[in-house]
């Protein structure tokens, strides 16, 4: 793997972890667990289905962080 690809992978991982840590909290419950975020709440049943929009939003934070991190590290490695 070239240095540029390694930097992009590192940026993707670092950005996704940052997005996960900065995800929004659910009132009363707090931040949702990783499994719930990565599945976008598909395993939630019954009363918990009210948390699906929060799980989807949290997943979007993780994905956005991963994309921004990968792009940022790609840009830095090109200089």
C-alpha atoms as a PDB file:
ATOM      1  CA  UNK A   1       0.000   0.000   0.000  1.00  0.00           C
ATOM      2  CA  UNK A   2       1.362   3.394  -0.911  1.00  0.00           C
ATOM      3  CA  UNK A   3       1.825   6.178   1.578  1.00  0.00           C
ATOM      4  CA  UNK A   4      -1.131   8.117   0.140  1.00  0.00           C
ATOM      5  CA  UNK A   5      -3.524   5.166   0.465  1.00  0.00           C
ATOM      6  CA  UNK A   6      -2.325   4.500   4.002  1.00  0.00           C
ATOM      7  CA  UNK A   7      -2.993   8.105   4.946  1.00  0.00           C
ATOM      8  CA  UNK A   8      -6.494   7.956   3.469  1.00  0.00           C
ATOM      9  CA  UNK A   9      -7.297   4.760   5.391  1.00  0.00           C
ATOM     10  CA  UNK A  10      -5.943   6.291   8.599  1.00  0.00           C
ATOM     11  CA  UNK A  11      -7.972   9.466   7.995  1.00  0.00           C
ATOM     12  CA  UNK A  12     -11.102   7.395   7.332  1.00  0.00           C
ATOM     13  CA  UNK A  13     -10.676   5.483  10.598  1.00  0.00           C
ATOM     14  CA  UNK A  14      -9.791   8.565  12.632  1.00  0.00           C
ATOM     15  CA  UNK A  15     -12.710  10.516  11.172  1.00  0.00           C
ATOM     16  CA  UNK A  16     -15.182   7.720  11.844  1.00  0.00           C
ATOM     17  CA  UNK A  17     -14.057   7.412  15.470  1.00  0.00           C
ATOM     18  CA  UNK A  18     -14.326  11.179  15.862  1.00  0.00           C
ATOM     19  CA  UNK A  19     -17.815  11.157  14.342  1.00  0.00           C
ATOM     20  CA  UNK A  20     -18.835   8.349  16.674  1.00  0.00           C
ATOM     21  CA  UNK A  21     -17.594  10.222  19.724  1.00  0.00           C
ATOM     22  CA  UNK A  22     -19.388  13.420  18.661  1.00  0.00           C
ATOM     23  CA  UNK A  23     -22.742  11.756  17.893  1.00  0.00           C
ATOM     24  CA  UNK A  24     -25.825  13.333  19.490  1.00  0.00           C
ATOM     25  CA  UNK A  25     -27.290  12.109  22.750  1.00  0.00           C
ATOM     26  CA  UNK A  26     -30.832  10.846  23.136  1.00  0.00           C
ATOM     27  CA  UNK A  27     -32.788  12.538  25.926  1.00  0.00           C
ATOM     28  CA  UNK A  28     -32.896  10.330  29.040  1.00  0.00           C
ATOM     29  CA  UNK A  29     -31.022   7.450  27.305  1.00  0.00           C
ATOM     30  CA  UNK A  30     -27.748   9.157  26.385  1.00  0.00           C
ATOM     31  CA  UNK A  31     -25.600   8.155  23.420  1.00  0.00           C
ATOM     32  CA  UNK A  32     -26.602   4.989  21.606  1.00  0.00           C
ATOM     33  CA  UNK A  33     -24.223   1.988  21.547  1.00  0.00           C
ATOM     34  CA  UNK A  34     -22.018   1.247  18.532  1.00  0.00           C
ATOM     35  CA  UNK A  35     -24.077  -1.748  17.362  1.00  0.00           C
ATOM     36  CA  UNK A  36     -27.252   0.316  17.270  1.00  0.00           C
ATOM     37  CA  UNK A  37     -25.512   3.126  15.397  1.00  0.00           C
ATOM     38  CA  UNK A  38     -23.906   0.868  12.778  1.00  0.00           C
ATOM     39  CA  UNK A  39     -27.167  -0.970  12.072  1.00  0.00           C
ATOM     40  CA  UNK A  40     -29.064   2.348  11.991  1.00  0.00           C
ATOM     41  CA  UNK A  41     -31.426   0.968  14.612  1.00  0.00           C
ATOM     42  CA  UNK A  42     -32.671  -1.992  12.575  1.00  0.00           C
ATOM     43  CA  UNK A  43     -32.566  -4.296  15.623  1.00  0.00           C
ATOM     44  CA  UNK A  44     -34.746  -2.012  17.734  1.00  0.00           C
ATOM     45  CA  UNK A  45     -38.221  -3.356  18.498  1.00  0.00           C
ATOM     46  CA  UNK A  46     -41.341  -2.163  20.259  1.00  0.00           C
ATOM     47  CA  UNK A  47     -41.042   1.055  22.219  1.00  0.00           C
ATOM     48  CA  UNK A  48     -37.375   1.351  21.196  1.00  0.00           C
ATOM     49  CA  UNK A  49     -38.372   2.111  17.586  1.00  0.00           C
ATOM     50  CA  UNK A  50     -38.689   5.728  18.697  1.00  0.00           C
ATOM     51  CA  UNK A  51     -34.873   5.762  18.815  1.00  0.00           C
ATOM     52  CA  UNK A  52     -34.410   4.863  15.121  1.00  0.00           C
ATOM     53  CA  UNK A  53     -34.132   8.508  13.933  1.00  0.00           C
ATOM     54  CA  UNK A  54     -31.400   9.082  16.536  1.00  0.00           C
ATOM     55  CA  UNK A  55     -29.574   5.956  15.365  1.00  0.00           C
ATOM     56  CA  UNK A  56     -29.776   7.139  11.765  1.00  0.00           C
ATOM     57  CA  UNK A  57     -28.498  10.587  12.700  1.00  0.00           C
ATOM     58  CA  UNK A  58     -25.644   9.056  14.688  1.00  0.00           C
ATOM     59  CA  UNK A  59     -24.730   6.863  11.712  1.00  0.00           C
ATOM     60  CA  UNK A  60     -24.686   9.962   9.506  1.00  0.00           C
ATOM     61  CA  UNK A  61     -22.242  11.599  11.943  1.00  0.00           C
ATOM     62  CA  UNK A  62     -19.956   8.570  11.731  1.00  0.00           C
ATOM     63  CA  UNK A  63     -20.140   8.464   7.936  1.00  0.00           C
ATOM     64  CA  UNK A  64     -19.580  12.208   7.554  1.00  0.00           C
ATOM     65  CA  UNK A  65     -16.598  12.056   9.904  1.00  0.00           C
ATOM     66  CA  UNK A  66     -15.115   9.170   7.932  1.00  0.00           C
ATOM     67  CA  UNK A  67     -15.512  10.977   4.615  1.00  0.00           C
ATOM     68  CA  UNK A  68     -14.115  14.265   5.916  1.00  0.00           C
ATOM     69  CA  UNK A  69     -11.191  12.471   7.578  1.00  0.00           C
ATOM     70  CA  UNK A  70     -10.342  10.517   4.420  1.00  0.00           C
ATOM     71  CA  UNK A  71     -10.529  13.632   2.230  1.00  0.00           C
ATOM     72  CA  UNK A  72      -8.483  15.680   4.662  1.00  0.00           C
ATOM     73  CA  UNK A  73      -5.725  13.092   4.951  1.00  0.00           C
ATOM     74  CA  UNK A  74      -5.750  12.552   1.174  1.00  0.00           C
ATOM     75  CA  UNK A  75      -5.324  16.285   0.614  1.00  0.00           C
ATOM     76  CA  UNK A  76      -2.517  16.516   3.155  1.00  0.00           C
ATOM     77  CA  UNK A  77      -0.694  13.514   1.656  1.00  0.00           C
ATOM     78  CA  UNK A  78      -0.774  15.110  -1.823  1.00  0.00           C
ATOM     79  CA  UNK A  79       1.216  18.146  -0.676  1.00  0.00           C
END
